[in-house]
C-alpha atoms as a PDB file:
ATOM      1  CA  GLU A   1      -0.944 -68.431  -6.306  1.00  0.00           C
ATOM      2  CA  ASN A   2       2.288 -69.326  -4.746  1.00  0.00           C
ATOM      3  CA  TYR A   3       2.287 -68.670  -1.022  1.00  0.00           C
ATOM      4  CA  GLU A   4       4.483 -71.691  -0.263  1.00  0.00           C
ATOM      5  CA  PRO A   5       7.666 -69.573   0.157  1.00  0.00           C
ATOM      6  CA  THR A   6       5.863 -67.620   2.899  1.00  0.00           C
ATOM      7  CA  LEU A   7       4.926 -70.862   4.661  1.00  0.00           C
ATOM      8  CA  LYS A   8       8.432 -72.321   4.216  1.00  0.00           C
ATOM      9  CA  ASN A   9      10.118 -69.227   5.622  1.00  0.00           C
ATOM     10  CA  SER A  10       7.695 -68.462   8.430  1.00  0.00           C
ATOM     11  CA  PRO A  11       8.997 -69.158  11.946  1.00  0.00           C
ATOM     12  CA  LEU A  12       5.366 -69.800  12.923  1.00  0.00           C
ATOM     13  CA  VAL A  13       5.026 -72.875  10.694  1.00  0.00           C
ATOM     14  CA  ASN A  14       6.087 -76.338  11.820  1.00  0.00           C
ATOM     15  CA  GLU A  15       5.012 -78.089   8.622  1.00  0.00           C
ATOM     16  CA  PHE A  16       2.479 -77.723   5.823  1.00  0.00           C
ATOM     17  CA  THR A  17       0.811 -80.024   3.346  1.00  0.00           C
ATOM     18  CA  PRO A  18      -0.554 -78.642   0.072  1.00  0.00           C
ATOM     19  CA  ASN A  19      -3.696 -80.440  -1.103  1.00  0.00           C
ATOM     20  CA  ARG A  20      -5.711 -79.961  -4.278  1.00  0.00           C
ATOM     21  CA  ASP A  21      -8.099 -77.377  -2.853  1.00  0.00           C
ATOM     22  CA  HIS A  22      -6.481 -76.317   0.420  1.00  0.00           C
ATOM     23  CA  THR A  23      -3.218 -76.298   2.347  1.00  0.00           C
ATOM     24  CA  GLU A  24      -3.005 -77.775   5.821  1.00  0.00           C
ATOM     25  CA  VAL A  25      -0.580 -75.978   8.126  1.00  0.00           C
ATOM     26  CA  ILE A  26       0.688 -77.185  11.487  1.00  0.00           C
ATOM     27  CA  LEU A  27       1.900 -74.267  13.575  1.00  0.00           C
ATOM     28  CA  GLN A  28       4.785 -74.278  16.008  1.00  0.00           C
ATOM     29  CA  ASP A  29       3.749 -74.635  19.659  1.00  0.00           C
ATOM     30  CA  GLY A  30       2.445 -71.317  20.908  1.00  0.00           C
ATOM     31  CA  ALA A  31       2.313 -69.672  17.459  1.00  0.00           C
ATOM     32  CA  ASP A  32      -0.567 -67.241  16.877  1.00  0.00           C
ATOM     33  CA  PRO A  33      -2.689 -68.226  13.853  1.00  0.00           C
ATOM     34  CA  GLN A  34      -3.627 -64.567  13.324  1.00  0.00           C
ATOM     35  CA  SER A  35       0.047 -63.701  12.846  1.00  0.00           C
ATOM     36  CA  LEU A  36       0.326 -66.311  10.097  1.00  0.00           C
ATOM     37  CA  LEU A  37      -2.823 -64.916   8.477  1.00  0.00           C
ATOM     38  CA  GLN A  38      -1.243 -61.442   8.498  1.00  0.00           C
ATOM     39  CA  GLN A  39       1.975 -62.814   6.943  1.00  0.00           C
ATOM     40  CA  LEU A  40       0.041 -64.539   4.157  1.00  0.00           C
ATOM     41  CA  VAL A  41      -2.104 -61.495   3.364  1.00  0.00           C
ATOM     42  CA  GLY A  42       1.005 -59.296   3.517  1.00  0.00           C
ATOM     43  CA  ALA A  43       2.658 -61.588   0.963  1.00  0.00           C
ATOM     44  CA  GLY A  44      -0.285 -61.133  -1.408  1.00  0.00           C
ATOM     45  CA  ALA A  45      -2.058 -64.449  -0.831  1.00  0.00           C
ATOM     46  CA  ARG A  46      -5.754 -64.368  -1.697  1.00  0.00           C
ATOM     47  CA  LEU A  47      -7.486 -66.575   0.854  1.00  0.00           C
ATOM     48  CA  THR A  48     -11.031 -67.775   0.411  1.00  0.00           C
ATOM     49  CA  ARG A  49     -11.111 -69.493   3.778  1.00  0.00           C
ATOM     50  CA  PHE A  50      -8.938 -69.577   6.893  1.00  0.00           C
ATOM     51  CA  GLU A  51      -9.992 -72.174   9.424  1.00  0.00           C
ATOM     52  CA  MET A  52      -8.476 -73.465  12.631  1.00  0.00           C
ATOM     53  CA  VAL A  53      -9.080 -77.123  13.380  1.00  0.00           C
ATOM     54  CA  ALA A  54      -8.218 -79.103  16.464  1.00  0.00           C
ATOM     55  CA  PRO A  55      -5.880 -82.036  15.849  1.00  0.00           C
ATOM     56  CA  SER A  56      -7.614 -85.359  15.362  1.00  0.00           C
ATOM     57  CA  LEU A  57      -7.071 -88.143  17.871  1.00  0.00           C
ATOM     58  CA  ASN A  58      -4.977 -89.919  15.216  1.00  0.00           C
ATOM     59  CA  GLU A  59      -2.711 -86.854  14.843  1.00  0.00           C
ATOM     60  CA  ILE A  60      -2.347 -86.557  18.613  1.00  0.00           C
ATOM     61  CA  PHE A  61      -1.448 -90.265  18.800  1.00  0.00           C
ATOM     62  CA  ILE A  62       1.131 -89.948  16.004  1.00  0.00           C
ATOM     63  CA  GLU A  63       2.674 -86.883  17.692  1.00  0.00           C
ATOM     64  CA  SER A  64       2.825 -88.748  21.022  1.00  0.00           C
ATOM     65  CA  VAL A  65       4.526 -91.718  19.375  1.00  0.00           C
ATOM     66  CA  LYS A  66       7.022 -89.412  17.608  1.00  0.00           C
ATOM     67  CA  ARG A  67       7.882 -87.712  20.887  1.00  0.00           C
ATOM     68  CA  ALA A  68       8.257 -91.027  22.685  1.00  0.00           C
ATOM     69  CA  ASN A  69      10.666 -92.214  19.989  1.00  0.00           C
ATOM     70  CA  GLU A  70      12.758 -89.046  20.293  1.00  0.00           C
ATOM     71  CA  HIS A  71      13.611 -89.670  23.949  1.00  0.00           C
END
């Protein structure tokens, strides 16, 4: 199934990474995950699992470094 256009065009999505058996999505700050779920279902995506995960310490560190480099 191709739900990538929905993810690309969604204002809720910061970035996404398709993997073999799942797609990891990073939402914009303050975006509601339920709204993204509604968009995907509305676009005809058949989801077997929808899970929210907290960012790992490594991801938080990378984001902090990125932000520091932007200033």
